[in-house]
Amino acid sequence: MVVVVCLCGACATTCTDFYTVFFSLLPQICHQSLLCCLDSPLNKAGLLQIYLRTSKNVLIEVHPSLRIPRTIKRFSGLMVQLLHKLRIRAVDGPNTLLRVIKNPIEAHLPPGCKKFVTSNKGRLVNPHKLVKALPQDEPVVIAFGQMSHGTIENDAPYADECLSFSQYPLSAACAIGRCINAFENHWGVL
């Protein structure tokens, strides 16, 4: 079973000086979310697939072995390089770590799987109980918004249901962390 995480409304742009739009697009939200996903034991165990969809509807596939730069300025530079070259290759191997892929995202998601979108307006669920209720042998898609305000529901029409992991509004990285932690606990990934 694989968990597919879709980060929608992410920070990438076609601007050549990415850092000048720092405050309007909030790339730190995407940066924090990617750090949370890629540093997780679930990802290191090979059970996580990540896609980004930018506010300009550019779809990006993230390789699980990608090591995101720890500073926002270097991350921003990496995103600009990706949008110019359409792919980022590993320096020491044949892997493509980031690549722009063709829309729609539904073409890249596992067929017949459960698809959820998260929002503070969604149905309140305990992520641990949600994971226990899911079929063990099917992949799951969970979409998280990457915006400081607004909702993701309209950006993820493929979702079957809208969920909330807390009665309080959470940052994207916090919601992702809660979800990933539930899968790790249920599957015994330490």
C-alpha atoms as a PDB file:
ATOM      1  CA  MET A   1       0.000   0.000   0.000  1.00  0.00           C
ATOM      2  CA  VAL A   2       1.247   3.480  -0.862  1.00  0.00           C
ATOM      3  CA  VAL A   3       0.098   6.870   0.360  1.00  0.00           C
ATOM      4  CA  VAL A   4       0.041   9.496  -2.381  1.00  0.00           C
ATOM      5  CA  VAL A   5       0.288  13.060  -1.087  1.00  0.00           C
ATOM      6  CA  CYS A   6      -0.762  15.878  -3.400  1.00  0.00           C
ATOM      7  CA  LEU A   7       0.304  19.367  -2.400  1.00  0.00           C
ATOM      8  CA  CYS A   8      -2.057  21.713  -4.241  1.00  0.00           C
ATOM      9  CA  GLY A   9      -1.661  25.415  -4.811  1.00  0.00           C
ATOM     10  CA  ALA A  10       2.063  25.153  -4.177  1.00  0.00           C
ATOM     11  CA  CYS A  11       4.462  28.026  -4.387  1.00  0.00           C
ATOM     12  CA  ALA A  12       6.268  27.584  -7.689  1.00  0.00           C
ATOM     13  CA  THR A  13       5.983  30.299 -10.313  1.00  0.00           C
ATOM     14  CA  THR A  14       7.413  31.144 -13.699  1.00  0.00           C
ATOM     15  CA  CYS A  15       8.948  34.351 -12.327  1.00  0.00           C
ATOM     16  CA  THR A  16      12.705  34.522 -12.965  1.00  0.00           C
ATOM     17  CA  ASP A  17      13.337  36.140  -9.592  1.00  0.00           C
ATOM     18  CA  PHE A  18      11.332  33.786  -7.405  1.00  0.00           C
ATOM     19  CA  TYR A  19      12.319  35.526  -4.201  1.00  0.00           C
ATOM     20  CA  THR A  20      10.579  38.787  -5.190  1.00  0.00           C
ATOM     21  CA  VAL A  21       7.177  37.103  -4.942  1.00  0.00           C
ATOM     22  CA  PHE A  22       8.041  35.508  -1.592  1.00  0.00           C
ATOM     23  CA  PHE A  23       5.330  37.243   0.404  1.00  0.00           C
ATOM     24  CA  SER A  24       2.508  36.850  -2.116  1.00  0.00           C
ATOM     25  CA  LEU A  25       2.941  33.125  -2.788  1.00  0.00           C
ATOM     26  CA  LEU A  26       4.383  31.968   0.557  1.00  0.00           C
ATOM     27  CA  PRO A  27       6.852  29.354  -0.702  1.00  0.00           C
ATOM     28  CA  GLN A  28       7.721  28.552   2.900  1.00  0.00           C
ATOM     29  CA  ILE A  29       4.412  26.655   3.217  1.00  0.00           C
ATOM     30  CA  CYS A  30       5.386  24.342   0.365  1.00  0.00           C
ATOM     31  CA  HIS A  31       8.962  24.118   1.680  1.00  0.00           C
ATOM     32  CA  GLN A  32       7.826  23.095   5.188  1.00  0.00           C
ATOM     33  CA  SER A  33       5.355  20.572   3.784  1.00  0.00           C
ATOM     34  CA  LEU A  34       7.950  18.956   1.541  1.00  0.00           C
ATOM     35  CA  LEU A  35      10.439  18.766   4.415  1.00  0.00           C
ATOM     36  CA  CYS A  36       7.769  17.088   6.542  1.00  0.00           C
ATOM     37  CA  CYS A  37       6.963  14.528   3.819  1.00  0.00           C
ATOM     38  CA  LEU A  38      10.472  13.775   2.590  1.00  0.00           C
ATOM     39  CA  ASP A  39      12.025  13.494   6.072  1.00  0.00           C
ATOM     40  CA  SER A  40       9.357  11.065   7.288  1.00  0.00           C
ATOM     41  CA  PRO A  41      10.095   7.393   7.934  1.00  0.00           C
ATOM     42  CA  LEU A  42       7.087   6.593   5.718  1.00  0.00           C
ATOM     43  CA  ASN A  43       8.886   8.171   2.748  1.00  0.00           C
ATOM     44  CA  LYS A  44      12.201   6.521   3.604  1.00  0.00           C
ATOM     45  CA  ALA A  45      10.385   3.157   3.691  1.00  0.00           C
ATOM     46  CA  GLY A  46       9.200   3.749   0.116  1.00  0.00           C
ATOM     47  CA  LEU A  47       5.517   4.084   1.023  1.00  0.00           C
ATOM     48  CA  LEU A  48       4.977   7.710  -0.003  1.00  0.00           C
ATOM     49  CA  GLN A  49       4.585   9.358  -3.416  1.00  0.00           C
ATOM     50  CA  ILE A  50       4.398  13.155  -3.641  1.00  0.00           C
ATOM     51  CA  TYR A  51       2.983  15.427  -6.331  1.00  0.00           C
ATOM     52  CA  LEU A  52       2.927  19.215  -6.347  1.00  0.00           C
ATOM     53  CA  ARG A  53       0.467  21.303  -8.284  1.00  0.00           C
ATOM     54  CA  THR A  54       1.308  24.972  -8.459  1.00  0.00           C
ATOM     55  CA  SER A  55      -1.046  27.912  -8.405  1.00  0.00           C
ATOM     56  CA  LYS A  56      -0.353  28.187 -12.172  1.00  0.00           C
ATOM     57  CA  ASN A  57      -1.512  24.537 -12.617  1.00  0.00           C
ATOM     58  CA  VAL A  58       1.974  23.117 -13.259  1.00  0.00           C
ATOM     59  CA  LEU A  59       2.156  19.497 -12.084  1.00  0.00           C
ATOM     60  CA  ILE A  60       5.418  18.281 -10.523  1.00  0.00           C
ATOM     61  CA  GLU A  61       6.405  14.747  -9.547  1.00  0.00           C
ATOM     62  CA  VAL A  62       8.763  14.439  -6.571  1.00  0.00           C
ATOM     63  CA  HIS A  63      11.156  11.482  -6.331  1.00  0.00           C
ATOM     64  CA  PRO A  64      11.279   9.962  -2.807  1.00  0.00           C
ATOM     65  CA  SER A  65      15.085  10.271  -2.623  1.00  0.00           C
ATOM     66  CA  LEU A  66      15.041  14.045  -3.134  1.00  0.00           C
ATOM     67  CA  ARG A  67      16.812  16.026  -0.424  1.00  0.00           C
ATOM     68  CA  ILE A  68      15.161  19.449  -0.293  1.00  0.00           C
ATOM     69  CA  PRO A  69      17.466  22.401   0.450  1.00  0.00           C
ATOM     70  CA  ARG A  70      17.054  23.452   4.086  1.00  0.00           C
ATOM     71  CA  THR A  71      16.948  27.184   3.381  1.00  0.00           C
ATOM     72  CA  ILE A  72      14.023  28.911   1.673  1.00  0.00           C
ATOM     73  CA  LYS A  73      16.312  30.888  -0.640  1.00  0.00           C
ATOM     74  CA  ARG A  74      17.972  27.726  -2.020  1.00  0.00           C
ATOM     75  CA  PHE A  75      14.610  25.987  -2.269  1.00  0.00           C
ATOM     76  CA  SER A  76      13.235  28.932  -4.244  1.00  0.00           C
ATOM     77  CA  GLY A  77      16.226  28.740  -6.590  1.00  0.00           C
ATOM     78  CA  LEU A  78      15.634  25.017  -7.100  1.00  0.00           C
ATOM     79  CA  MET A  79      11.991  25.662  -8.038  1.00  0.00           C
ATOM     80  CA  VAL A  80      12.997  28.341 -10.551  1.00  0.00           C
ATOM     81  CA  GLN A  81      15.561  25.955 -12.082  1.00  0.00           C
ATOM     82  CA  LEU A  82      12.901  23.222 -12.296  1.00  0.00           C
ATOM     83  CA  LEU A  83      10.432  25.471 -14.098  1.00  0.00           C
ATOM     84  CA  HIS A  84      13.081  26.546 -16.609  1.00  0.00           C
ATOM     85  CA  LYS A  85      14.556  23.085 -17.288  1.00  0.00           C
ATOM     86  CA  LEU A  86      11.391  21.022 -16.549  1.00  0.00           C
ATOM     87  CA  ARG A  87      13.445  18.470 -14.592  1.00  0.00           C
ATOM     88  CA  ILE A  88      16.121  18.237 -11.938  1.00  0.00           C
ATOM     89  CA  ARG A  89      18.463  15.253 -12.154  1.00  0.00           C
ATOM     90  CA  ALA A  90      20.556  13.753  -9.376  1.00  0.00           C
ATOM     91  CA  VAL A  91      24.207  14.760  -9.516  1.00  0.00           C
ATOM     92  CA  ASP A  92      25.463  11.291  -8.557  1.00  0.00           C
ATOM     93  CA  GLY A  93      23.033   9.037 -10.411  1.00  0.00           C
ATOM     94  CA  PRO A  94      20.467   8.560 -13.161  1.00  0.00           C
ATOM     95  CA  ASN A  95      17.404   9.529 -11.075  1.00  0.00           C
ATOM     96  CA  THR A  96      15.226  12.483 -11.998  1.00  0.00           C
ATOM     97  CA  LEU A  97      14.462  14.038  -8.613  1.00  0.00           C
ATOM     98  CA  LEU A  98      11.871  16.588  -9.744  1.00  0.00           C
ATOM     99  CA  ARG A  99      10.078  16.735 -13.046  1.00  0.00           C
ATOM    100  CA  VAL A 100       7.197  18.621 -14.571  1.00  0.00           C
ATOM    101  CA  ILE A 101       4.593  16.133 -15.782  1.00  0.00           C
ATOM    102  CA  LYS A 102       1.508  16.406 -17.947  1.00  0.00           C
ATOM    103  CA  ASN A 103      -1.874  17.287 -16.431  1.00  0.00           C
ATOM    104  CA  PRO A 104      -4.368  16.097 -15.267  1.00  0.00           C
ATOM    105  CA  ILE A 105      -3.178  14.674 -11.979  1.00  0.00           C
ATOM    106  CA  GLU A 106      -5.852  11.973 -12.152  1.00  0.00           C
ATOM    107  CA  ALA A 107      -3.811  10.288 -14.916  1.00  0.00           C
ATOM    108  CA  HIS A 108      -0.961   9.726 -12.418  1.00  0.00           C
ATOM    109  CA  LEU A 109      -3.002   8.564  -9.445  1.00  0.00           C
ATOM    110  CA  PRO A 110      -3.604   4.878  -8.770  1.00  0.00           C
ATOM    111  CA  PRO A 111      -6.917   3.773 -10.326  1.00  0.00           C
ATOM    112  CA  GLY A 112      -9.786   2.933  -8.005  1.00  0.00           C
ATOM    113  CA  CYS A 113      -8.171   4.261  -4.828  1.00  0.00           C
ATOM    114  CA  LYS A 114      -9.753   6.369  -2.098  1.00  0.00           C
ATOM    115  CA  LYS A 115      -9.105  10.093  -2.627  1.00  0.00           C
ATOM    116  CA  PHE A 116      -9.388  12.644   0.155  1.00  0.00           C
ATOM    117  CA  VAL A 117      -8.844  16.378   0.368  1.00  0.00           C
ATOM    118  CA  THR A 118      -8.133  18.134   3.660  1.00  0.00           C
ATOM    119  CA  SER A 119      -9.677  21.351   4.910  1.00  0.00           C
ATOM    120  CA  ASN A 120     -10.663  22.784   8.267  1.00  0.00           C
ATOM    121  CA  LYS A 121     -14.224  22.791   6.861  1.00  0.00           C
ATOM    122  CA  GLY A 122     -14.177  19.039   6.174  1.00  0.00           C
ATOM    123  CA  ARG A 123     -15.658  16.195   8.200  1.00  0.00           C
ATOM    124  CA  LEU A 124     -13.722  15.958  11.472  1.00  0.00           C
ATOM    125  CA  VAL A 125     -11.872  12.630  11.764  1.00  0.00           C
ATOM    126  CA  ASN A 126      -9.160  11.199  13.937  1.00  0.00           C
ATOM    127  CA  PRO A 127      -6.357  10.326  11.468  1.00  0.00           C
ATOM    128  CA  HIS A 128      -5.498   7.147  13.409  1.00  0.00           C
ATOM    129  CA  LYS A 129      -9.092   5.892  13.170  1.00  0.00           C
ATOM    130  CA  LEU A 130      -9.243   6.866   9.489  1.00  0.00           C
ATOM    131  CA  VAL A 131      -6.135   4.827   8.668  1.00  0.00           C
ATOM    132  CA  LYS A 132      -7.469   1.785  10.540  1.00  0.00           C
ATOM    133  CA  ALA A 133     -10.740   1.970   8.567  1.00  0.00           C
ATOM    134  CA  LEU A 134      -9.017   2.081   5.156  1.00  0.00           C
ATOM    135  CA  PRO A 135      -8.513  -1.108   3.115  1.00  0.00           C
ATOM    136  CA  GLN A 136      -5.032  -2.523   3.741  1.00  0.00           C
ATOM    137  CA  ASP A 137      -4.206  -3.446   0.157  1.00  0.00           C
ATOM    138  CA  GLU A 138      -5.250  -0.272  -1.679  1.00  0.00           C
ATOM    139  CA  PRO A 139      -3.322   2.960  -2.171  1.00  0.00           C
ATOM    140  CA  VAL A 140      -4.714   6.197  -0.728  1.00  0.00           C
ATOM    141  CA  VAL A 141      -4.550   9.750  -2.103  1.00  0.00           C
ATOM    142  CA  ILE A 142      -4.648  12.699   0.286  1.00  0.00           C
ATOM    143  CA  ALA A 143      -4.476  16.274  -1.001  1.00  0.00           C
ATOM    144  CA  PHE A 144      -3.280  19.126   1.203  1.00  0.00           C
ATOM    145  CA  GLY A 145      -3.608  22.828   0.408  1.00  0.00           C
ATOM    146  CA  GLN A 146      -0.496  24.988   0.297  1.00  0.00           C
ATOM    147  CA  MET A 147      -2.032  28.386   0.810  1.00  0.00           C
ATOM    148  CA  SER A 148      -2.140  30.694   3.807  1.00  0.00           C
ATOM    149  CA  HIS A 149      -5.879  31.289   3.422  1.00  0.00           C
ATOM    150  CA  GLY A 150      -8.650  29.978   1.228  1.00  0.00           C
ATOM    151  CA  THR A 151      -9.765  26.425   0.558  1.00  0.00           C
ATOM    152  CA  ILE A 152      -8.547  23.561  -1.560  1.00  0.00           C
ATOM    153  CA  GLU A 153     -11.912  21.907  -2.230  1.00  0.00           C
ATOM    154  CA  ASN A 154     -12.289  23.513  -5.676  1.00  0.00           C
ATOM    155  CA  ASP A 155      -8.664  22.639  -6.585  1.00  0.00           C
ATOM    156  CA  ALA A 156      -9.156  18.895  -6.058  1.00  0.00           C
ATOM    157  CA  PRO A 157     -12.336  17.851  -7.921  1.00  0.00           C
ATOM    158  CA  TYR A 158     -11.074  14.253  -8.042  1.00  0.00           C
ATOM    159  CA  ALA A 159     -11.489  13.856  -4.255  1.00  0.00           C
ATOM    160  CA  ASP A 160     -14.221  11.603  -2.895  1.00  0.00           C
ATOM    161  CA  GLU A 161     -14.442  13.312   0.490  1.00  0.00           C
ATOM    162  CA  CYS A 162     -13.216  16.376   2.377  1.00  0.00           C
ATOM    163  CA  LEU A 163     -11.679  15.681   5.807  1.00  0.00           C
ATOM    164  CA  SER A 164     -10.338  17.690   8.728  1.00  0.00           C
ATOM    165  CA  PHE A 165      -7.765  16.328  11.189  1.00  0.00           C
ATOM    166  CA  SER A 166      -8.492  18.846  13.946  1.00  0.00           C
ATOM    167  CA  GLN A 167     -11.281  21.054  15.200  1.00  0.00           C
ATOM    168  CA  TYR A 168      -8.799  23.919  14.833  1.00  0.00           C
ATOM    169  CA  PRO A 169      -7.217  25.255  11.636  1.00  0.00           C
ATOM    170  CA  LEU A 170      -3.803  23.596  11.136  1.00  0.00           C
ATOM    171  CA  SER A 171      -0.821  24.558   9.053  1.00  0.00           C
ATOM    172  CA  ALA A 172      -0.254  22.318   6.050  1.00  0.00           C
ATOM    173  CA  ALA A 173       2.903  20.822   7.584  1.00  0.00           C
ATOM    174  CA  CYS A 174       1.086  20.053  10.841  1.00  0.00           C
ATOM    175  CA  ALA A 175      -1.835  18.361   9.043  1.00  0.00           C
ATOM    176  CA  ILE A 176       0.594  16.353   6.893  1.00  0.00           C
ATOM    177  CA  GLY A 177       2.577  15.355   9.974  1.00  0.00           C
ATOM    178  CA  ARG A 178      -0.549  14.122  11.756  1.00  0.00           C
ATOM    179  CA  CYS A 179      -1.620  12.096   8.724  1.00  0.00           C
ATOM    180  CA  ILE A 180       1.798  10.571   8.043  1.00  0.00           C
ATOM    181  CA  ASN A 181       2.220   9.733  11.725  1.00  0.00           C
ATOM    182  CA  ALA A 182      -1.092   7.835  11.697  1.00  0.00           C
ATOM    183  CA  PHE A 183       0.051   5.702   8.740  1.00  0.00           C
ATOM    184  CA  GLU A 184       3.465   5.087  10.327  1.00  0.00           C
ATOM    185  CA  ASN A 185       1.892   3.971  13.618  1.00  0.00           C
ATOM    186  CA  HIS A 186      -0.645   1.720  11.914  1.00  0.00           C
ATOM    187  CA  TRP A 187       1.925   0.053   9.633  1.00  0.00           C
ATOM    188  CA  GLY A 188       4.655  -0.144  12.277  1.00  0.00           C
ATOM    189  CA  VAL A 189       7.100   2.069  10.381  1.00  0.00           C
ATOM    190  CA  LEU A 190       9.554   3.327  12.987  1.00  0.00           C
END
